[in-house]
């Protein structure tokens, strides 16, 4: 039996994509300079649907430093955490907030900021 909810309301640009999860850590060099080091070998992957964030989500979920630009919806429990990054081809998204919808592990909404200055 085909699960019809996965195919409803999907347009060609809104299909499910594979996002690679990477962790960014700060490392202090011997001279005292702080650099960001990215760890991830491409084995942590989530399958999600990417959409533009609406004004309500931007106002509610943005923090002082980062602004939510996109939402990514994934089936199942959260597989990525805040301050990790999701990579889709040449696009990079920093996770600002994670919402386990209904706290049942059925769906997860990631509120993310697209960064064009990295990668």
C-alpha atoms as a PDB file:
ATOM      1  CA  UNK A   1       0.000   0.000   0.000  1.00  0.00           C
ATOM      2  CA  UNK A   2       1.354   3.423  -0.945  1.00  0.00           C
ATOM      3  CA  UNK A   3       1.371   6.070   1.761  1.00  0.00           C
ATOM      4  CA  UNK A   4      -0.475   8.942   0.056  1.00  0.00           C
ATOM      5  CA  UNK A   5       0.469  11.596   2.633  1.00  0.00           C
ATOM      6  CA  UNK A   6       4.040  11.603   1.329  1.00  0.00           C
ATOM      7  CA  UNK A   7       2.858  12.663  -2.143  1.00  0.00           C
ATOM      8  CA  UNK A   8       0.172  15.224  -1.354  1.00  0.00           C
ATOM      9  CA  UNK A   9       0.805  18.891  -2.106  1.00  0.00           C
ATOM     10  CA  UNK A  10       4.271  18.304  -3.521  1.00  0.00           C
ATOM     11  CA  UNK A  11       5.466  20.387  -6.430  1.00  0.00           C
ATOM     12  CA  UNK A  12       8.662  19.644  -8.378  1.00  0.00           C
ATOM     13  CA  UNK A  13      10.716  22.004  -6.200  1.00  0.00           C
ATOM     14  CA  UNK A  14       9.326  20.603  -2.942  1.00  0.00           C
ATOM     15  CA  UNK A  15      10.308  16.968  -3.276  1.00  0.00           C
ATOM     16  CA  UNK A  16      12.231  15.198  -0.529  1.00  0.00           C
ATOM     17  CA  UNK A  17      15.987  15.749  -0.637  1.00  0.00           C
ATOM     18  CA  UNK A  18      18.948  14.134   1.111  1.00  0.00           C
ATOM     19  CA  UNK A  19      20.674  16.550   3.502  1.00  0.00           C
ATOM     20  CA  UNK A  20      24.139  15.709   4.852  1.00  0.00           C
ATOM     21  CA  UNK A  21      24.470  16.556   8.563  1.00  0.00           C
ATOM     22  CA  UNK A  22      27.761  18.155   9.612  1.00  0.00           C
ATOM     23  CA  UNK A  23      28.895  19.397  12.999  1.00  0.00           C
ATOM     24  CA  UNK A  24      30.829  22.641  13.370  1.00  0.00           C
ATOM     25  CA  UNK A  25      33.153  22.998  16.345  1.00  0.00           C
ATOM     26  CA  UNK A  26      35.414  25.825  17.407  1.00  0.00           C
ATOM     27  CA  UNK A  27      39.077  24.958  17.765  1.00  0.00           C
ATOM     28  CA  UNK A  28      41.773  27.120  19.380  1.00  0.00           C
ATOM     29  CA  UNK A  29      45.121  27.114  17.586  1.00  0.00           C
ATOM     30  CA  UNK A  30      48.477  27.385  19.360  1.00  0.00           C
ATOM     31  CA  UNK A  31      48.695  31.101  18.595  1.00  0.00           C
ATOM     32  CA  UNK A  32      45.314  31.677  20.295  1.00  0.00           C
ATOM     33  CA  UNK A  33      43.295  32.144  17.132  1.00  0.00           C
ATOM     34  CA  UNK A  34      39.858  30.514  17.071  1.00  0.00           C
ATOM     35  CA  UNK A  35      38.830  28.688  13.902  1.00  0.00           C
ATOM     36  CA  UNK A  36      35.707  26.735  13.014  1.00  0.00           C
ATOM     37  CA  UNK A  37      36.345  23.103  12.190  1.00  0.00           C
ATOM     38  CA  UNK A  38      33.742  21.052  10.330  1.00  0.00           C
ATOM     39  CA  UNK A  39      33.418  17.382  11.157  1.00  0.00           C
ATOM     40  CA  UNK A  40      31.331  14.942   9.231  1.00  0.00           C
ATOM     41  CA  UNK A  41      32.103  12.207   6.767  1.00  0.00           C
ATOM     42  CA  UNK A  42      28.810  12.280   4.865  1.00  0.00           C
ATOM     43  CA  UNK A  43      27.297   9.236   6.545  1.00  0.00           C
ATOM     44  CA  UNK A  44      24.705  11.123   8.618  1.00  0.00           C
ATOM     45  CA  UNK A  45      21.905  11.898   6.165  1.00  0.00           C
ATOM     46  CA  UNK A  46      18.341  13.043   6.724  1.00  0.00           C
ATOM     47  CA  UNK A  47      15.620  12.982   4.093  1.00  0.00           C
ATOM     48  CA  UNK A  48      13.549  16.145   4.280  1.00  0.00           C
ATOM     49  CA  UNK A  49      11.346  18.560   2.403  1.00  0.00           C
ATOM     50  CA  UNK A  50      12.675  22.140   2.074  1.00  0.00           C
ATOM     51  CA  UNK A  51      10.349  25.162   2.128  1.00  0.00           C
ATOM     52  CA  UNK A  52      10.619  28.931   2.548  1.00  0.00           C
ATOM     53  CA  UNK A  53       9.820  30.140   6.082  1.00  0.00           C
ATOM     54  CA  UNK A  54       6.752  32.340   6.484  1.00  0.00           C
ATOM     55  CA  UNK A  55       6.683  35.611   8.438  1.00  0.00           C
ATOM     56  CA  UNK A  56       5.218  34.018  11.574  1.00  0.00           C
ATOM     57  CA  UNK A  57       7.970  31.388  11.755  1.00  0.00           C
ATOM     58  CA  UNK A  58      10.653  34.035  11.172  1.00  0.00           C
ATOM     59  CA  UNK A  59       9.331  36.205  14.012  1.00  0.00           C
ATOM     60  CA  UNK A  60       8.880  33.317  16.450  1.00  0.00           C
ATOM     61  CA  UNK A  61      11.985  31.215  15.830  1.00  0.00           C
ATOM     62  CA  UNK A  62      14.747  33.715  14.982  1.00  0.00           C
ATOM     63  CA  UNK A  63      17.240  34.568  17.681  1.00  0.00           C
ATOM     64  CA  UNK A  64      19.320  37.728  18.004  1.00  0.00           C
ATOM     65  CA  UNK A  65      22.156  36.600  15.746  1.00  0.00           C
ATOM     66  CA  UNK A  66      20.442  34.396  13.182  1.00  0.00           C
ATOM     67  CA  UNK A  67      17.278  34.755  11.106  1.00  0.00           C
ATOM     68  CA  UNK A  68      15.207  31.773  10.032  1.00  0.00           C
ATOM     69  CA  UNK A  69      14.931  31.634   6.238  1.00  0.00           C
ATOM     70  CA  UNK A  70      13.783  28.050   5.587  1.00  0.00           C
ATOM     71  CA  UNK A  71      12.005  25.130   7.205  1.00  0.00           C
ATOM     72  CA  UNK A  72      12.940  21.509   6.615  1.00  0.00           C
ATOM     73  CA  UNK A  73      10.391  18.821   7.480  1.00  0.00           C
ATOM     74  CA  UNK A  74      11.546  15.269   8.103  1.00  0.00           C
ATOM     75  CA  UNK A  75       9.573  12.100   8.867  1.00  0.00           C
ATOM     76  CA  UNK A  76      10.511  10.549  12.202  1.00  0.00           C
ATOM     77  CA  UNK A  77      12.299  11.742  15.337  1.00  0.00           C
ATOM     78  CA  UNK A  78      15.028  14.431  15.252  1.00  0.00           C
ATOM     79  CA  UNK A  79      18.300  13.258  13.726  1.00  0.00           C
ATOM     80  CA  UNK A  80      20.137  16.603  13.864  1.00  0.00           C
ATOM     81  CA  UNK A  81      20.607  19.136  16.657  1.00  0.00           C
ATOM     82  CA  UNK A  82      20.734  22.895  16.978  1.00  0.00           C
ATOM     83  CA  UNK A  83      23.937  24.548  15.722  1.00  0.00           C
ATOM     84  CA  UNK A  84      24.634  21.723  13.299  1.00  0.00           C
ATOM     85  CA  UNK A  85      24.503  22.340   9.593  1.00  0.00           C
ATOM     86  CA  UNK A  86      22.688  20.624   6.762  1.00  0.00           C
ATOM     87  CA  UNK A  87      24.289  20.522   3.319  1.00  0.00           C
ATOM     88  CA  UNK A  88      22.263  20.097   0.136  1.00  0.00           C
ATOM     89  CA  UNK A  89      24.582  20.171  -2.864  1.00  0.00           C
ATOM     90  CA  UNK A  90      26.191  23.619  -2.776  1.00  0.00           C
ATOM     91  CA  UNK A  91      23.646  25.052  -0.309  1.00  0.00           C
ATOM     92  CA  UNK A  92      24.356  25.200   3.445  1.00  0.00           C
ATOM     93  CA  UNK A  93      21.699  25.571   6.162  1.00  0.00           C
ATOM     94  CA  UNK A  94      22.460  26.238   9.846  1.00  0.00           C
ATOM     95  CA  UNK A  95      19.858  24.791  12.199  1.00  0.00           C
ATOM     96  CA  UNK A  96      18.469  27.535  14.445  1.00  0.00           C
ATOM     97  CA  UNK A  97      15.725  25.529  16.180  1.00  0.00           C
ATOM     98  CA  UNK A  98      14.341  21.974  16.167  1.00  0.00           C
ATOM     99  CA  UNK A  99      10.680  21.142  16.784  1.00  0.00           C
ATOM    100  CA  UNK A 100       9.604  17.545  17.375  1.00  0.00           C
ATOM    101  CA  UNK A 101       6.031  18.067  16.201  1.00  0.00           C
ATOM    102  CA  UNK A 102       3.664  16.638  18.784  1.00  0.00           C
ATOM    103  CA  UNK A 103       6.569  15.107  20.753  1.00  0.00           C
ATOM    104  CA  UNK A 104       5.624  11.719  19.320  1.00  0.00           C
ATOM    105  CA  UNK A 105       8.560  11.226  16.974  1.00  0.00           C
ATOM    106  CA  UNK A 106       6.338  11.220  13.877  1.00  0.00           C
ATOM    107  CA  UNK A 107       7.737  14.351  12.239  1.00  0.00           C
ATOM    108  CA  UNK A 108      10.462  16.895  12.909  1.00  0.00           C
ATOM    109  CA  UNK A 109      10.623  20.510  11.762  1.00  0.00           C
ATOM    110  CA  UNK A 110      14.028  22.145  11.473  1.00  0.00           C
ATOM    111  CA  UNK A 111      14.103  25.944  11.365  1.00  0.00           C
ATOM    112  CA  UNK A 112      17.234  26.917   9.466  1.00  0.00           C
ATOM    113  CA  UNK A 113      19.148  29.852   8.048  1.00  0.00           C
ATOM    114  CA  UNK A 114      20.615  29.486   4.585  1.00  0.00           C
ATOM    115  CA  UNK A 115      24.221  30.674   4.501  1.00  0.00           C
ATOM    116  CA  UNK A 116      25.672  31.752   1.193  1.00  0.00           C
ATOM    117  CA  UNK A 117      29.004  32.913   2.602  1.00  0.00           C
ATOM    118  CA  UNK A 118      30.287  29.439   3.522  1.00  0.00           C
ATOM    119  CA  UNK A 119      31.297  26.332   1.613  1.00  0.00           C
END
